[in-house]
Amino acid sequence: MKLAYALAVLSVFLAATNAQYKPAPCREDACWTVKCIQYTNETCPDGVIIPNGGYCGCCNACRTKIPPGGDCSELITSSNAPTSACAPGTECKEHCHKGWICQ
């Protein structure tokens, strides 16, 4: 009996630790009550403003700018909401020897 209980607890623990971040689905009226920060070059001086990149696409987002040639693997491999973006004019692409970089 103790072994069955231990195995049940272990399986729940393993399932919980392997769960990936998945944002909650957005309701149709999600944006009605959201107050957005109006990002400008002054309020997001070292970042990239992503149109509709915030919660449920309601607001713009300010993300840390990854320079050309910079590592952007977190954008591809992370299951969390992104906190950075490639600099304008570049995209996160796989490079044969360097992994994922903004180019």
Protein backbone atom coordinates (compact mmCIF):
# COMPACT_ATOMS: atom_id res chain seq x y z
CA MET A 1 0.00 0.00 0.00
CA LYS A 2 2.81 2.40 0.86
CA LEU A 3 4.55 1.59 -2.42
CA ALA A 4 1.39 2.34 -4.44
CA TYR A 5 0.97 5.67 -2.61
CA ALA A 6 4.63 6.59 -3.18
CA LEU A 7 4.35 5.76 -6.89
CA ALA A 8 1.19 7.86 -7.20
CA VAL A 9 2.84 10.85 -5.51
CA LEU A 10 5.94 10.43 -7.67
CA SER A 11 3.92 10.31 -10.89
CA VAL A 12 2.02 13.50 -9.96
CA PHE A 13 5.30 15.23 -9.10
CA LEU A 14 6.89 14.21 -12.42
CA ALA A 15 3.85 15.30 -14.40
CA ALA A 16 3.88 18.69 -12.67
CA THR A 17 7.59 19.29 -13.22
CA ASN A 18 7.38 18.35 -16.90
CA ALA A 19 4.41 20.59 -17.63
CA GLN A 20 5.22 23.42 -20.00
CA TYR A 21 4.02 27.00 -19.73
CA LYS A 22 0.87 27.51 -21.75
CA PRO A 23 -0.91 30.82 -21.52
CA ALA A 24 -4.57 30.67 -20.63
CA PRO A 25 -6.86 31.00 -23.63
CA CYS A 26 -8.10 34.54 -24.15
CA ARG A 27 -11.77 35.29 -23.85
CA GLU A 28 -13.51 37.34 -26.50
CA ASP A 29 -13.91 40.24 -24.04
CA ALA A 30 -10.37 39.99 -22.60
CA CYS A 31 -9.29 43.43 -23.83
CA TRP A 32 -12.29 45.33 -22.44
CA THR A 33 -10.77 45.80 -19.00
CA VAL A 34 -7.05 45.82 -19.79
CA LYS A 35 -5.24 49.12 -19.29
CA CYS A 36 -2.29 49.27 -21.66
CA ILE A 37 1.00 51.08 -21.24
CA GLN A 38 1.48 53.32 -24.24
CA TYR A 39 5.04 52.39 -25.21
CA THR A 40 7.10 54.96 -27.10
CA ASN A 41 10.80 55.27 -27.89
CA GLU A 42 11.10 57.18 -24.61
CA THR A 43 9.38 54.53 -22.46
CA CYS A 44 11.06 51.61 -24.26
CA PRO A 45 14.45 53.17 -25.07
CA ASP A 46 16.60 50.03 -25.35
CA GLY A 47 13.91 47.64 -26.49
CA VAL A 48 11.68 46.68 -29.37
CA ILE A 49 8.00 47.62 -29.35
CA ILE A 50 5.94 44.62 -30.47
CA PRO A 51 2.47 45.61 -31.75
CA ASN A 52 -0.18 43.54 -29.97
CA GLY A 53 2.58 41.54 -28.26
CA GLY A 54 1.14 41.86 -24.78
CA TYR A 55 -1.58 40.01 -22.88
CA CYS A 56 -4.02 38.40 -25.34
CA GLY A 57 -2.84 40.79 -28.05
CA CYS A 58 -4.63 43.64 -26.29
CA CYS A 59 -1.58 45.85 -25.85
CA ASN A 60 1.81 46.50 -27.34
CA ALA A 61 4.81 45.02 -25.54
CA CYS A 62 8.31 46.33 -24.90
CA ARG A 63 10.89 43.57 -25.23
CA THR A 64 14.64 43.56 -24.74
CA LYS A 65 16.38 44.01 -28.09
CA ILE A 66 18.66 41.19 -29.28
CA PRO A 67 21.28 42.72 -31.61
CA PRO A 68 22.13 41.23 -35.02
CA GLY A 69 24.27 38.14 -34.45
CA GLY A 70 22.91 37.75 -30.91
CA ASP A 71 21.66 34.46 -29.47
CA CYS A 72 17.89 34.16 -29.81
CA SER A 73 17.52 30.50 -28.86
CA GLU A 74 15.21 31.42 -25.96
CA LEU A 75 12.64 32.61 -28.51
CA ILE A 76 12.61 29.14 -30.07
CA THR A 77 13.15 26.79 -27.15
CA SER A 78 11.44 28.49 -24.20
CA SER A 79 7.89 27.64 -23.30
CA ASN A 80 7.51 30.96 -21.44
CA ALA A 81 6.19 34.17 -22.92
CA PRO A 82 9.07 35.94 -24.68
CA THR A 83 10.80 38.85 -22.96
CA SER A 84 13.10 39.73 -25.86
CA ALA A 85 12.96 40.13 -29.64
CA CYS A 86 15.40 40.39 -32.52
CA ALA A 87 16.34 43.93 -33.52
CA PRO A 88 14.17 45.45 -36.25
CA GLY A 89 15.13 44.16 -39.69
CA THR A 90 16.41 40.83 -38.32
CA GLU A 91 14.79 37.46 -37.63
CA CYS A 92 15.68 34.55 -35.39
CA LYS A 93 17.15 31.93 -37.72
CA GLU A 94 19.07 28.72 -37.21
CA HIS A 95 22.76 28.97 -38.06
CA CYS A 96 24.60 25.72 -38.73
CA HIS A 97 27.44 26.37 -36.24
CA LYS A 98 26.10 29.05 -33.91
CA GLY A 99 22.59 27.80 -33.09
CA TRP A 100 19.73 30.30 -33.25
CA ILE A 101 20.84 33.89 -33.92
CA CYS A 102 19.21 37.14 -35.02
CA GLN A 103 20.15 37.74 -38.64
